[in-house]
Amino acid sequence: MKNIKDELQHIILGDEPIGRASQLKKTQSFLRANAGTSFKAEKQQQLKSEETTAIVTFAKKENLFYEPVIHDADFFSEGAEQKVYRLGDAHVLKINAGIFYETWLDYFNSLLIHNYFFPLTAYTFLGFKQINGELNAVVKQEYIIGPDPTNLDLVKQYLRYNGFQNKRNNDFYNDELGLILEDLHDENVLSSDGIFFFIDTVFYLTKQFYQKST
């Protein structure tokens, strides 16, 4: 787990853009700096409203507002945390107000971790969009068709093999990495020919994440 933890810490705590995730990483780096130079989980006390104000200024400066119109005719599905729209034949747009996270920084950390673990369903951050006066993040993801029923017991075995222990229902924890993974029900993990596609994940960092590997 040492190399994985080192890589994740570099992704979350480093500043350089990473490939196609440059816009995503640029925004996460801004939010991390905005949270304070001494970045520790217990110091993430910034109110989301204050964070949102800073994001709007940053997004205007960096041209990070998503300008294309999102048409109702392209609406695909909706969950508690986001709305999903078709984007051509191969991708979907996900419009997320970050309600599952205390801060926008938590949300962008989760995206980066998802992209590390699940590159087949990686998110591309396209920008922010104000919808009915509320700030939303707009991300693109490959459209995955999962024709097979998802066996959650097999998902739990897969995650356990990779160090994530099932704590309750569909929530998991990796003690070595200091990561919480939540809400992995059968609509968030699709299955095709024995391959799992994690299309919606919710990761949280714990204090353990910031400790150096031993």
N, C-alpha and C. Protein backbone atom coordinates (compact mmCIF):
# COMPACT_ATOMS: atom_id res chain seq x y z
N MET A 1 0.82 -1.20 0.00
CA MET A 1 0.00 0.00 0.00
C MET A 1 0.86 1.27 0.00
N LYS A 2 2.17 1.11 0.34
CA LYS A 2 3.01 2.29 0.47
C LYS A 2 3.06 3.08 -0.82
N ASN A 3 3.32 2.40 -1.94
CA ASN A 3 3.43 3.11 -3.21
C ASN A 3 2.11 3.77 -3.60
N ILE A 4 1.01 3.07 -3.38
CA ILE A 4 -0.30 3.64 -3.70
C ILE A 4 -0.55 4.88 -2.87
N LYS A 5 -0.26 4.81 -1.58
CA LYS A 5 -0.50 5.96 -0.71
C LYS A 5 0.40 7.13 -1.12
N ASP A 6 1.65 6.84 -1.43
CA ASP A 6 2.56 7.90 -1.87
C ASP A 6 2.04 8.56 -3.14
N GLU A 7 1.56 7.75 -4.07
CA GLU A 7 1.05 8.29 -5.33
C GLU A 7 -0.20 9.14 -5.09
N LEU A 8 -1.09 8.65 -4.23
CA LEU A 8 -2.31 9.42 -3.94
C LEU A 8 -1.99 10.73 -3.23
N GLN A 9 -1.04 10.69 -2.29
CA GLN A 9 -0.65 11.93 -1.61
C GLN A 9 -0.05 12.91 -2.61
N HIS A 10 0.72 12.41 -3.55
CA HIS A 10 1.30 13.28 -4.57
C HIS A 10 0.21 13.90 -5.44
N ILE A 11 -0.80 13.11 -5.79
CA ILE A 11 -1.90 13.62 -6.61
C ILE A 11 -2.69 14.68 -5.86
N ILE A 12 -3.00 14.41 -4.59
CA ILE A 12 -3.85 15.32 -3.81
C ILE A 12 -3.08 16.53 -3.31
N LEU A 13 -1.84 16.34 -2.88
CA LEU A 13 -1.09 17.41 -2.24
C LEU A 13 -0.11 18.11 -3.17
N GLY A 14 0.13 17.53 -4.36
CA GLY A 14 1.00 18.17 -5.34
C GLY A 14 0.28 19.28 -6.07
N ASP A 15 1.02 20.03 -6.86
CA ASP A 15 0.43 21.19 -7.55
C ASP A 15 0.41 21.07 -9.06
N GLU A 16 1.22 20.18 -9.63
CA GLU A 16 1.31 20.17 -11.08
C GLU A 16 0.10 19.48 -11.70
N PRO A 17 -0.37 19.99 -12.86
CA PRO A 17 -1.47 19.32 -13.57
C PRO A 17 -1.04 17.92 -14.00
N ILE A 18 -2.00 17.02 -14.08
CA ILE A 18 -1.72 15.64 -14.45
C ILE A 18 -2.48 15.32 -15.74
N GLY A 19 -1.78 15.37 -16.85
CA GLY A 19 -2.35 14.98 -18.13
C GLY A 19 -3.64 15.67 -18.46
N ARG A 20 -4.63 14.86 -18.86
CA ARG A 20 -5.91 15.41 -19.29
C ARG A 20 -6.71 15.98 -18.12
N ALA A 21 -6.24 15.70 -16.90
CA ALA A 21 -6.94 16.20 -15.72
C ALA A 21 -6.45 17.57 -15.32
N SER A 22 -5.76 18.30 -16.23
CA SER A 22 -5.13 19.55 -15.84
C SER A 22 -6.13 20.57 -15.30
N GLN A 23 -7.29 20.70 -15.93
CA GLN A 23 -8.30 21.63 -15.43
C GLN A 23 -8.81 21.20 -14.06
N LEU A 24 -8.99 19.93 -13.90
CA LEU A 24 -9.43 19.38 -12.63
C LEU A 24 -8.39 19.64 -11.55
N LYS A 25 -7.14 19.35 -11.86
CA LYS A 25 -6.08 19.52 -10.87
C LYS A 25 -5.83 21.00 -10.59
N LYS A 26 -5.93 21.83 -11.61
CA LYS A 26 -5.76 23.27 -11.41
C LYS A 26 -6.78 23.80 -10.40
N THR A 27 -8.01 23.36 -10.54
CA THR A 27 -9.07 23.82 -9.64
C THR A 27 -8.86 23.27 -8.24
N GLN A 28 -8.48 21.99 -8.14
CA GLN A 28 -8.24 21.41 -6.83
C GLN A 28 -7.08 22.11 -6.13
N SER A 29 -6.03 22.44 -6.87
CA SER A 29 -4.89 23.12 -6.28
C SER A 29 -5.28 24.50 -5.77
N PHE A 30 -6.12 25.19 -6.53
CA PHE A 30 -6.61 26.50 -6.08
C PHE A 30 -7.40 26.36 -4.79
N LEU A 31 -8.30 25.40 -4.75
CA LEU A 31 -9.13 25.22 -3.56
C LEU A 31 -8.29 24.82 -2.35
N ARG A 32 -7.28 24.01 -2.59
CA ARG A 32 -6.41 23.60 -1.49
C ARG A 32 -5.64 24.80 -0.94
N ALA A 33 -5.11 25.63 -1.84
CA ALA A 33 -4.40 26.82 -1.40
C ALA A 33 -5.35 27.79 -0.70
N ASN A 34 -6.58 27.87 -1.21
CA ASN A 34 -7.56 28.77 -0.64
C ASN A 34 -7.98 28.33 0.77
N ALA A 35 -7.87 27.02 1.03
CA ALA A 35 -8.23 26.50 2.34
C ALA A 35 -7.18 26.83 3.38
N GLY A 36 -5.98 27.20 2.94
CA GLY A 36 -4.93 27.56 3.89
C GLY A 36 -3.63 26.86 3.54
N THR A 37 -2.53 27.50 3.84
CA THR A 37 -1.23 26.93 3.50
C THR A 37 -0.91 25.71 4.36
N SER A 38 -1.45 25.64 5.56
CA SER A 38 -1.27 24.46 6.40
C SER A 38 -2.46 23.55 6.17
N PHE A 39 -2.31 22.64 5.22
CA PHE A 39 -3.46 21.85 4.75
C PHE A 39 -3.56 20.55 5.53
N LYS A 40 -4.51 20.48 6.42
CA LYS A 40 -4.80 19.26 7.16
C LYS A 40 -6.31 19.08 7.22
N ALA A 41 -6.73 17.83 7.29
CA ALA A 41 -8.17 17.55 7.24
C ALA A 41 -8.91 18.28 8.34
N GLU A 42 -8.32 18.33 9.55
CA GLU A 42 -9.04 18.93 10.64
C GLU A 42 -9.16 20.44 10.51
N LYS A 43 -8.45 21.04 9.55
CA LYS A 43 -8.50 22.49 9.38
C LYS A 43 -9.41 22.91 8.24
N GLN A 44 -10.13 21.95 7.66
CA GLN A 44 -11.06 22.30 6.59
C GLN A 44 -12.35 22.81 7.22
N GLN A 45 -12.32 24.05 7.65
CA GLN A 45 -13.46 24.64 8.34
C GLN A 45 -14.15 25.72 7.52
N GLN A 46 -13.64 25.94 6.30
CA GLN A 46 -14.17 27.03 5.49
C GLN A 46 -15.61 26.75 5.07
N LEU A 47 -16.46 27.71 5.27
CA LEU A 47 -17.84 27.55 4.87
C LEU A 47 -17.93 27.42 3.35
N LYS A 48 -18.87 26.59 2.89
CA LYS A 48 -19.00 26.36 1.46
C LYS A 48 -19.40 27.63 0.72
N SER A 49 -20.19 28.47 1.37
CA SER A 49 -20.60 29.72 0.72
C SER A 49 -19.40 30.61 0.44
N GLU A 50 -18.48 30.69 1.39
CA GLU A 50 -17.27 31.48 1.18
C GLU A 50 -16.40 30.87 0.09
N GLU A 51 -16.32 29.55 0.11
CA GLU A 51 -15.56 28.83 -0.90
C GLU A 51 -16.15 29.07 -2.29
N THR A 52 -17.48 29.07 -2.37
CA THR A 52 -18.15 29.28 -3.64
C THR A 52 -17.84 30.66 -4.20
N THR A 53 -17.82 31.67 -3.35
CA THR A 53 -17.49 33.03 -3.79
C THR A 53 -16.09 33.06 -4.39
N ALA A 54 -15.15 32.39 -3.75
CA ALA A 54 -13.78 32.35 -4.27
C ALA A 54 -13.72 31.59 -5.59
N ILE A 55 -14.51 30.53 -5.70
CA ILE A 55 -14.52 29.75 -6.94
C ILE A 55 -15.01 30.59 -8.11
N VAL A 56 -16.08 31.36 -7.90
CA VAL A 56 -16.64 32.17 -8.99
C VAL A 56 -15.58 33.14 -9.52
N THR A 57 -14.86 33.79 -8.62
CA THR A 57 -13.80 34.71 -9.04
C THR A 57 -12.71 33.97 -9.80
N PHE A 58 -12.30 32.83 -9.28
CA PHE A 58 -11.27 32.01 -9.91
C PHE A 58 -11.73 31.52 -11.29
N ALA A 59 -12.96 31.04 -11.38
CA ALA A 59 -13.46 30.49 -12.64
C ALA A 59 -13.57 31.55 -13.72
N LYS A 60 -13.95 32.77 -13.34
CA LYS A 60 -14.00 33.86 -14.32
C LYS A 60 -12.60 34.18 -14.84
N LYS A 61 -11.64 34.22 -13.94
CA LYS A 61 -10.27 34.53 -14.32
C LYS A 61 -9.68 33.46 -15.23
N GLU A 62 -9.99 32.20 -14.94
CA GLU A 62 -9.40 31.07 -15.67
C GLU A 62 -10.29 30.55 -16.79
N ASN A 63 -11.39 31.25 -17.07
CA ASN A 63 -12.32 30.82 -18.12
C ASN A 63 -12.82 29.39 -17.87
N LEU A 64 -13.25 29.15 -16.64
CA LEU A 64 -13.68 27.82 -16.26
C LEU A 64 -15.19 27.72 -16.08
N PHE A 65 -15.93 28.59 -16.73
CA PHE A 65 -17.38 28.42 -16.75
C PHE A 65 -17.76 27.67 -18.02
N TYR A 66 -18.63 26.69 -17.84
CA TYR A 66 -19.09 25.87 -18.96
C TYR A 66 -20.22 26.61 -19.67
N GLU A 67 -19.96 27.06 -20.88
CA GLU A 67 -20.89 27.93 -21.58
C GLU A 67 -21.97 27.22 -22.40
N PRO A 68 -21.70 26.03 -22.96
CA PRO A 68 -22.75 25.40 -23.79
C PRO A 68 -24.06 25.21 -23.03
N VAL A 69 -25.14 25.32 -23.76
CA VAL A 69 -26.46 25.10 -23.18
C VAL A 69 -26.67 23.61 -22.93
N ILE A 70 -27.18 23.27 -21.77
CA ILE A 70 -27.51 21.88 -21.46
C ILE A 70 -29.01 21.71 -21.67
N HIS A 71 -29.38 20.95 -22.66
CA HIS A 71 -30.77 20.85 -23.09
C HIS A 71 -31.55 19.82 -22.28
N ASP A 72 -32.77 20.15 -21.93
CA ASP A 72 -33.63 19.23 -21.21
C ASP A 72 -33.86 17.94 -21.99
N ALA A 73 -33.84 18.05 -23.31
CA ALA A 73 -34.08 16.87 -24.15
C ALA A 73 -32.97 15.83 -23.98
N ASP A 74 -31.81 16.25 -23.49
CA ASP A 74 -30.69 15.32 -23.30
C ASP A 74 -30.67 14.72 -21.89
N PHE A 75 -31.66 15.07 -21.07
CA PHE A 75 -31.70 14.56 -19.71
C PHE A 75 -31.76 13.04 -19.72
N PHE A 76 -30.94 12.42 -18.87
CA PHE A 76 -30.82 10.97 -18.87
C PHE A 76 -31.30 10.36 -17.56
N SER A 77 -30.80 10.88 -16.45
CA SER A 77 -31.20 10.34 -15.15
C SER A 77 -30.84 11.34 -14.06
N GLU A 78 -31.29 11.05 -12.86
CA GLU A 78 -31.05 11.95 -11.74
C GLU A 78 -30.91 11.15 -10.46
N GLY A 79 -29.90 11.51 -9.67
CA GLY A 79 -29.73 10.90 -8.36
C GLY A 79 -29.79 11.98 -7.31
N ALA A 80 -29.50 11.59 -6.08
CA ALA A 80 -29.57 12.55 -4.98
C ALA A 80 -28.55 13.66 -5.14
N GLU A 81 -27.40 13.33 -5.77
CA GLU A 81 -26.30 14.29 -5.80
C GLU A 81 -26.11 14.99 -7.14
N GLN A 82 -26.71 14.47 -8.23
CA GLN A 82 -26.39 15.04 -9.53
C GLN A 82 -27.45 14.70 -10.57
N LYS A 83 -27.41 15.45 -11.67
CA LYS A 83 -28.22 15.15 -12.84
C LYS A 83 -27.30 14.73 -13.98
N VAL A 84 -27.79 13.81 -14.79
CA VAL A 84 -26.99 13.24 -15.87
C VAL A 84 -27.67 13.52 -17.21
N TYR A 85 -26.87 13.97 -18.18
CA TYR A 85 -27.36 14.29 -19.52
C TYR A 85 -26.51 13.57 -20.56
N ARG A 86 -27.12 13.17 -21.65
CA ARG A 86 -26.37 12.58 -22.75
C ARG A 86 -25.50 13.64 -23.41
N LEU A 87 -24.31 13.23 -23.83
CA LEU A 87 -23.40 14.10 -24.57
C LEU A 87 -22.90 13.30 -25.76
N GLY A 88 -23.64 13.39 -26.86
CA GLY A 88 -23.32 12.55 -28.00
C GLY A 88 -23.66 11.10 -27.71
N ASP A 89 -23.00 10.20 -28.44
CA ASP A 89 -23.29 8.78 -28.27
C ASP A 89 -22.36 8.09 -27.27
N ALA A 90 -21.24 8.73 -26.95
CA ALA A 90 -20.21 8.02 -26.18
C ALA A 90 -19.99 8.56 -24.77
N HIS A 91 -20.62 9.69 -24.44
CA HIS A 91 -20.35 10.28 -23.14
C HIS A 91 -21.63 10.80 -22.48
N VAL A 92 -21.51 11.08 -21.20
CA VAL A 92 -22.57 11.76 -20.46
C VAL A 92 -21.98 12.96 -19.75
N LEU A 93 -22.84 13.95 -19.52
CA LEU A 93 -22.50 15.08 -18.67
C LEU A 93 -23.11 14.84 -17.30
N LYS A 94 -22.35 15.15 -16.26
CA LYS A 94 -22.88 15.05 -14.90
C LYS A 94 -22.78 16.43 -14.26
N ILE A 95 -23.92 16.88 -13.78
CA ILE A 95 -24.03 18.21 -13.19
C ILE A 95 -24.18 18.03 -11.68
N ASN A 96 -23.18 18.46 -10.93
CA ASN A 96 -23.12 18.13 -9.52
C ASN A 96 -22.97 19.40 -8.68
N ALA A 97 -23.86 19.56 -7.70
CA ALA A 97 -23.80 20.72 -6.80
C ALA A 97 -22.97 20.43 -5.56
N GLY A 98 -22.37 19.26 -5.49
CA GLY A 98 -21.48 18.92 -4.39
C GLY A 98 -22.16 18.74 -3.05
N ILE A 99 -23.42 18.33 -3.05
CA ILE A 99 -24.17 18.28 -1.79
C ILE A 99 -23.69 17.16 -0.87
N PHE A 100 -22.98 16.17 -1.39
CA PHE A 100 -22.48 15.09 -0.55
C PHE A 100 -21.21 15.49 0.21
N TYR A 101 -20.70 16.68 -0.06
CA TYR A 101 -19.40 17.08 0.49
C TYR A 101 -19.52 18.37 1.30
N GLU A 102 -18.75 18.44 2.37
CA GLU A 102 -18.77 19.65 3.19
C GLU A 102 -18.16 20.83 2.46
N THR A 103 -17.19 20.57 1.60
CA THR A 103 -16.53 21.64 0.83
C THR A 103 -16.36 21.19 -0.61
N TRP A 104 -16.18 22.17 -1.48
CA TRP A 104 -15.88 21.86 -2.87
C TRP A 104 -14.53 21.16 -3.00
N LEU A 105 -13.61 21.48 -2.12
CA LEU A 105 -12.31 20.80 -2.13
C LEU A 105 -12.50 19.30 -1.93
N ASP A 106 -13.39 18.91 -1.02
CA ASP A 106 -13.66 17.49 -0.82
C ASP A 106 -14.15 16.84 -2.11
N TYR A 107 -15.02 17.55 -2.82
CA TYR A 107 -15.56 17.01 -4.07
C TYR A 107 -14.45 16.79 -5.10
N PHE A 108 -13.57 17.79 -5.27
CA PHE A 108 -12.51 17.65 -6.28
C PHE A 108 -11.47 16.62 -5.86
N ASN A 109 -11.22 16.49 -4.56
CA ASN A 109 -10.35 15.40 -4.09
C ASN A 109 -10.94 14.06 -4.49
N SER A 110 -12.24 13.92 -4.32
CA SER A 110 -12.92 12.67 -4.65
C SER A 110 -12.80 12.35 -6.14
N LEU A 111 -12.94 13.37 -6.99
CA LEU A 111 -12.79 13.15 -8.43
C LEU A 111 -11.39 12.64 -8.77
N LEU A 112 -10.38 13.25 -8.18
CA LEU A 112 -9.00 12.86 -8.46
C LEU A 112 -8.73 11.43 -8.01
N ILE A 113 -9.26 11.06 -6.84
CA ILE A 113 -9.07 9.70 -6.35
C ILE A 113 -9.80 8.70 -7.24
N HIS A 114 -11.02 9.04 -7.64
CA HIS A 114 -11.76 8.18 -8.57
C HIS A 114 -10.95 7.94 -9.84
N ASN A 115 -10.41 9.00 -10.41
CA ASN A 115 -9.65 8.86 -11.66
C ASN A 115 -8.41 8.00 -11.49
N TYR A 116 -7.84 8.01 -10.30
CA TYR A 116 -6.66 7.18 -10.03
C TYR A 116 -7.06 5.70 -10.00
N PHE A 117 -8.10 5.38 -9.28
CA PHE A 117 -8.50 3.99 -9.12
C PHE A 117 -9.26 3.43 -10.32
N PHE A 118 -10.04 4.28 -10.99
CA PHE A 118 -10.95 3.80 -12.04
C PHE A 118 -10.76 4.58 -13.34
N PRO A 119 -9.63 4.43 -14.00
CA PRO A 119 -9.37 5.20 -15.23
C PRO A 119 -10.34 4.90 -16.36
N LEU A 120 -10.96 3.72 -16.36
CA LEU A 120 -11.91 3.39 -17.43
C LEU A 120 -13.15 4.29 -17.37
N THR A 121 -13.45 4.82 -16.19
CA THR A 121 -14.61 5.70 -16.04
C THR A 121 -14.18 7.06 -15.49
N ALA A 122 -13.00 7.50 -15.90
CA ALA A 122 -12.44 8.75 -15.37
C ALA A 122 -13.33 9.95 -15.72
N TYR A 123 -13.34 10.91 -14.81
CA TYR A 123 -14.06 12.16 -15.02
C TYR A 123 -13.15 13.18 -15.70
N THR A 124 -13.70 13.92 -16.65
CA THR A 124 -13.04 15.09 -17.22
C THR A 124 -13.81 16.32 -16.75
N PHE A 125 -13.15 17.20 -16.04
CA PHE A 125 -13.80 18.40 -15.53
C PHE A 125 -13.90 19.43 -16.65
N LEU A 126 -15.13 19.87 -16.96
CA LEU A 126 -15.34 20.82 -18.06
C LEU A 126 -15.53 22.25 -17.57
N GLY A 127 -15.87 22.42 -16.31
CA GLY A 127 -16.03 23.77 -15.79
C GLY A 127 -17.19 23.85 -14.81
N PHE A 128 -17.48 25.08 -14.41
CA PHE A 128 -18.60 25.35 -13.49
C PHE A 128 -19.77 25.96 -14.25
N LYS A 129 -20.95 25.80 -13.68
CA LYS A 129 -22.13 26.41 -14.29
C LYS A 129 -23.10 26.82 -13.19
N GLN A 130 -23.60 28.05 -13.30
CA GLN A 130 -24.62 28.53 -12.38
C GLN A 130 -25.98 28.09 -12.91
N ILE A 131 -26.71 27.35 -12.10
CA ILE A 131 -28.04 26.86 -12.49
C ILE A 131 -29.02 27.25 -11.39
N ASN A 132 -29.98 28.10 -11.75
CA ASN A 132 -30.95 28.60 -10.77
C ASN A 132 -30.27 29.20 -9.55
N GLY A 133 -29.18 29.92 -9.81
CA GLY A 133 -28.47 30.61 -8.75
C GLY A 133 -27.56 29.74 -7.91
N GLU A 134 -27.41 28.47 -8.29
CA GLU A 134 -26.56 27.55 -7.53
C GLU A 134 -25.37 27.11 -8.37
N LEU A 135 -24.19 27.12 -7.76
CA LEU A 135 -22.98 26.71 -8.47
C LEU A 135 -22.95 25.19 -8.61
N ASN A 136 -22.65 24.75 -9.83
CA ASN A 136 -22.53 23.32 -10.12
C ASN A 136 -21.22 23.06 -10.85
N ALA A 137 -20.67 21.89 -10.63
CA ALA A 137 -19.53 21.43 -11.41
C ALA A 137 -20.06 20.58 -12.56
N VAL A 138 -19.44 20.72 -13.72
CA VAL A 138 -19.83 19.95 -14.90
C VAL A 138 -18.68 19.04 -15.28
N VAL A 139 -18.94 17.74 -15.27
CA VAL A 139 -17.91 16.77 -15.64
C VAL A 139 -18.43 15.87 -16.76
N LYS A 140 -17.50 15.36 -17.53
CA LYS A 140 -17.81 14.44 -18.62
C LYS A 140 -17.28 13.06 -18.25
N GLN A 141 -18.04 12.03 -18.62
CA GLN A 141 -17.63 10.66 -18.35
C GLN A 141 -18.08 9.77 -19.50
N GLU A 142 -17.32 8.75 -19.78
CA GLU A 142 -17.71 7.82 -20.83
C GLU A 142 -19.03 7.15 -20.46
N TYR A 143 -19.88 7.01 -21.46
CA TYR A 143 -21.18 6.37 -21.25
C TYR A 143 -20.97 4.86 -21.22
N ILE A 144 -21.27 4.26 -20.09
CA ILE A 144 -21.06 2.83 -19.90
C ILE A 144 -22.41 2.11 -19.89
N ILE A 145 -22.51 1.06 -20.67
CA ILE A 145 -23.69 0.21 -20.64
C ILE A 145 -23.33 -1.05 -19.87
N GLY A 146 -24.01 -1.29 -18.78
CA GLY A 146 -23.77 -2.49 -17.97
C GLY A 146 -24.93 -3.45 -18.12
N PRO A 147 -24.86 -4.37 -19.05
CA PRO A 147 -26.02 -5.23 -19.34
C PRO A 147 -26.27 -6.30 -18.29
N ASP A 148 -25.26 -6.59 -17.45
CA ASP A 148 -25.40 -7.68 -16.49
C ASP A 148 -25.79 -7.14 -15.12
N PRO A 149 -26.58 -7.91 -14.37
CA PRO A 149 -26.89 -7.50 -12.99
C PRO A 149 -25.61 -7.40 -12.17
N THR A 150 -25.52 -6.40 -11.33
CA THR A 150 -24.34 -6.22 -10.48
C THR A 150 -24.50 -7.01 -9.19
N ASN A 151 -23.58 -7.94 -8.98
CA ASN A 151 -23.57 -8.74 -7.76
C ASN A 151 -22.77 -7.98 -6.70
N LEU A 152 -23.46 -7.37 -5.73
CA LEU A 152 -22.78 -6.55 -4.74
C LEU A 152 -21.87 -7.37 -3.84
N ASP A 153 -22.15 -8.65 -3.68
CA ASP A 153 -21.25 -9.49 -2.89
C ASP A 153 -19.90 -9.62 -3.59
N LEU A 154 -19.92 -9.73 -4.92
CA LEU A 154 -18.67 -9.80 -5.67
C LEU A 154 -17.95 -8.46 -5.65
N VAL A 155 -18.72 -7.37 -5.67
CA VAL A 155 -18.11 -6.04 -5.55
C VAL A 155 -17.39 -5.92 -4.21
N LYS A 156 -18.02 -6.39 -3.16
CA LYS A 156 -17.40 -6.34 -1.83
C LYS A 156 -16.13 -7.19 -1.79
N GLN A 157 -16.15 -8.36 -2.45
CA GLN A 157 -14.95 -9.19 -2.51
C GLN A 157 -13.84 -8.47 -3.25
N TYR A 158 -14.19 -7.84 -4.36
CA TYR A 158 -13.20 -7.11 -5.16
C TYR A 158 -12.57 -5.98 -4.33
N LEU A 159 -13.41 -5.23 -3.63
CA LEU A 159 -12.91 -4.12 -2.84
C LEU A 159 -12.09 -4.62 -1.64
N ARG A 160 -12.54 -5.71 -1.04
CA ARG A 160 -11.79 -6.28 0.09
C ARG A 160 -10.40 -6.72 -0.36
N TYR A 161 -10.32 -7.30 -1.54
CA TYR A 161 -9.02 -7.72 -2.10
C TYR A 161 -8.10 -6.52 -2.27
N ASN A 162 -8.69 -5.35 -2.53
CA ASN A 162 -7.91 -4.13 -2.72
C ASN A 162 -7.84 -3.27 -1.47
N GLY A 163 -8.15 -3.86 -0.33
CA GLY A 163 -7.91 -3.20 0.94
C GLY A 163 -9.06 -2.40 1.50
N PHE A 164 -10.22 -2.44 0.85
CA PHE A 164 -11.38 -1.69 1.33
C PHE A 164 -12.33 -2.65 2.06
N GLN A 165 -12.46 -2.44 3.36
CA GLN A 165 -13.31 -3.29 4.18
C GLN A 165 -14.73 -2.72 4.25
N ASN A 166 -15.70 -3.58 4.13
CA ASN A 166 -17.10 -3.17 4.21
C ASN A 166 -17.46 -2.86 5.66
N LYS A 167 -17.86 -1.62 5.91
CA LYS A 167 -18.18 -1.19 7.27
C LYS A 167 -19.67 -1.33 7.57
N ARG A 168 -20.48 -0.89 6.62
CA ARG A 168 -21.93 -1.03 6.77
C ARG A 168 -22.56 -0.82 5.41
N ASN A 169 -23.63 -1.53 5.15
CA ASN A 169 -24.36 -1.39 3.88
C ASN A 169 -23.40 -1.33 2.70
N ASN A 170 -23.36 -0.19 2.00
CA ASN A 170 -22.50 -0.05 0.83
C ASN A 170 -21.36 0.94 1.07
N ASP A 171 -20.90 1.03 2.32
CA ASP A 171 -19.82 1.94 2.69
C ASP A 171 -18.58 1.14 3.06
N PHE A 172 -17.41 1.67 2.67
CA PHE A 172 -16.16 0.95 2.84
C PHE A 172 -15.08 1.87 3.41
N TYR A 173 -14.05 1.24 4.00
CA TYR A 173 -12.95 2.02 4.56
C TYR A 173 -11.63 1.28 4.31
N ASN A 174 -10.62 2.03 3.89
CA ASN A 174 -9.28 1.49 3.73
C ASN A 174 -8.39 2.14 4.78
N ASP A 175 -8.05 1.38 5.80
CA ASP A 175 -7.30 1.92 6.93
C ASP A 175 -5.89 2.33 6.54
N GLU A 176 -5.25 1.55 5.69
CA GLU A 176 -3.87 1.85 5.30
C GLU A 176 -3.78 3.14 4.47
N LEU A 177 -4.76 3.36 3.60
CA LEU A 177 -4.74 4.55 2.76
C LEU A 177 -5.43 5.73 3.42
N GLY A 178 -6.27 5.46 4.41
CA GLY A 178 -7.00 6.55 5.05
C GLY A 178 -8.11 7.08 4.16
N LEU A 179 -8.82 6.18 3.48
CA LEU A 179 -9.88 6.56 2.56
C LEU A 179 -11.21 5.94 2.95
N ILE A 180 -12.24 6.72 2.86
CA ILE A 180 -13.62 6.24 3.00
C ILE A 180 -14.25 6.22 1.60
N LEU A 181 -14.94 5.16 1.28
CA LEU A 181 -15.64 5.04 0.00
C LEU A 181 -17.09 4.69 0.31
N GLU A 182 -18.01 5.55 -0.11
CA GLU A 182 -19.41 5.39 0.28
C GLU A 182 -20.36 5.26 -0.92
N ASP A 183 -21.54 4.74 -0.61
CA ASP A 183 -22.69 4.77 -1.53
C ASP A 183 -22.48 3.92 -2.77
N LEU A 184 -21.85 2.76 -2.62
CA LEU A 184 -21.62 1.90 -3.79
C LEU A 184 -22.77 0.91 -3.95
N HIS A 185 -23.95 1.42 -4.27
CA HIS A 185 -25.07 0.52 -4.56
C HIS A 185 -25.00 0.08 -6.01
N ASP A 186 -25.95 -0.76 -6.41
CA ASP A 186 -25.84 -1.40 -7.73
C ASP A 186 -26.07 -0.46 -8.90
N GLU A 187 -26.53 0.77 -8.66
CA GLU A 187 -26.65 1.72 -9.76
C GLU A 187 -25.37 2.52 -9.95
N ASN A 188 -24.47 2.42 -8.99
CA ASN A 188 -23.19 3.14 -9.08
C ASN A 188 -22.05 2.25 -9.56
N VAL A 189 -22.30 0.96 -9.62
CA VAL A 189 -21.32 0.00 -10.14
C VAL A 189 -22.02 -0.85 -11.19
N LEU A 190 -21.59 -0.74 -12.44
CA LEU A 190 -22.18 -1.51 -13.52
C LEU A 190 -21.30 -2.71 -13.83
N SER A 191 -21.89 -3.72 -14.44
CA SER A 191 -21.18 -4.96 -14.69
C SER A 191 -21.38 -5.40 -16.14
N SER A 192 -20.27 -5.81 -16.76
CA SER A 192 -20.33 -6.32 -18.14
C SER A 192 -19.24 -7.37 -18.33
N ASP A 193 -19.66 -8.59 -18.64
CA ASP A 193 -18.73 -9.69 -18.88
C ASP A 193 -17.74 -9.86 -17.73
N GLY A 194 -18.24 -9.73 -16.51
CA GLY A 194 -17.40 -9.95 -15.34
C GLY A 194 -16.52 -8.78 -14.96
N ILE A 195 -16.64 -7.67 -15.66
CA ILE A 195 -15.84 -6.48 -15.36
C ILE A 195 -16.73 -5.45 -14.67
N PHE A 196 -16.24 -4.89 -13.58
CA PHE A 196 -16.98 -3.86 -12.87
C PHE A 196 -16.57 -2.48 -13.38
N PHE A 197 -17.58 -1.63 -13.58
CA PHE A 197 -17.35 -0.25 -13.97
C PHE A 197 -17.92 0.65 -12.88
N PHE A 198 -17.04 1.31 -12.15
CA PHE A 198 -17.45 2.20 -11.08
C PHE A 198 -17.75 3.57 -11.69
N ILE A 199 -19.03 3.91 -11.80
CA ILE A 199 -19.38 5.14 -12.51
C ILE A 199 -19.67 6.30 -11.57
N ASP A 200 -19.99 6.00 -10.33
CA ASP A 200 -20.25 7.06 -9.34
C ASP A 200 -19.64 6.63 -8.02
N THR A 201 -18.65 7.36 -7.57
CA THR A 201 -18.02 7.05 -6.29
C THR A 201 -18.00 8.31 -5.42
N VAL A 202 -17.99 8.09 -4.14
CA VAL A 202 -17.89 9.19 -3.17
C VAL A 202 -16.75 8.84 -2.22
N PHE A 203 -15.60 9.49 -2.42
CA PHE A 203 -14.43 9.26 -1.57
C PHE A 203 -14.28 10.40 -0.57
N TYR A 204 -13.84 10.06 0.63
CA TYR A 204 -13.48 11.06 1.64
C TYR A 204 -12.10 10.73 2.18
N LEU A 205 -11.33 11.77 2.44
CA LEU A 205 -10.02 11.61 3.08
C LEU A 205 -10.19 11.66 4.60
N THR A 206 -9.40 10.86 5.30
CA THR A 206 -9.38 10.91 6.76
C THR A 206 -8.01 11.42 7.22
N LYS A 207 -7.86 11.64 8.51
CA LYS A 207 -6.58 12.09 9.05
C LYS A 207 -5.46 11.11 8.71
N GLN A 208 -5.80 9.83 8.65
CA GLN A 208 -4.82 8.80 8.35
C GLN A 208 -4.18 9.00 6.97
N PHE A 209 -4.94 9.58 6.05
CA PHE A 209 -4.42 9.79 4.70
C PHE A 209 -3.18 10.67 4.70
N TYR A 210 -3.12 11.65 5.59
CA TYR A 210 -2.04 12.62 5.57
C TYR A 210 -0.78 12.15 6.28
N GLN A 211 -0.86 11.00 6.94
CA GLN A 211 0.32 10.47 7.59
C GLN A 211 1.22 9.79 6.58
N LYS A 212 2.52 9.89 6.80
CA LYS A 212 3.48 9.31 5.88
C LYS A 212 3.41 7.80 5.93
N SER A 213 3.72 7.18 4.78
CA SER A 213 3.74 5.73 4.72
C SER A 213 4.89 5.21 5.57
N THR A 214 4.69 4.04 6.12
CA THR A 214 5.73 3.43 6.95
C THR A 214 6.36 2.25 6.23
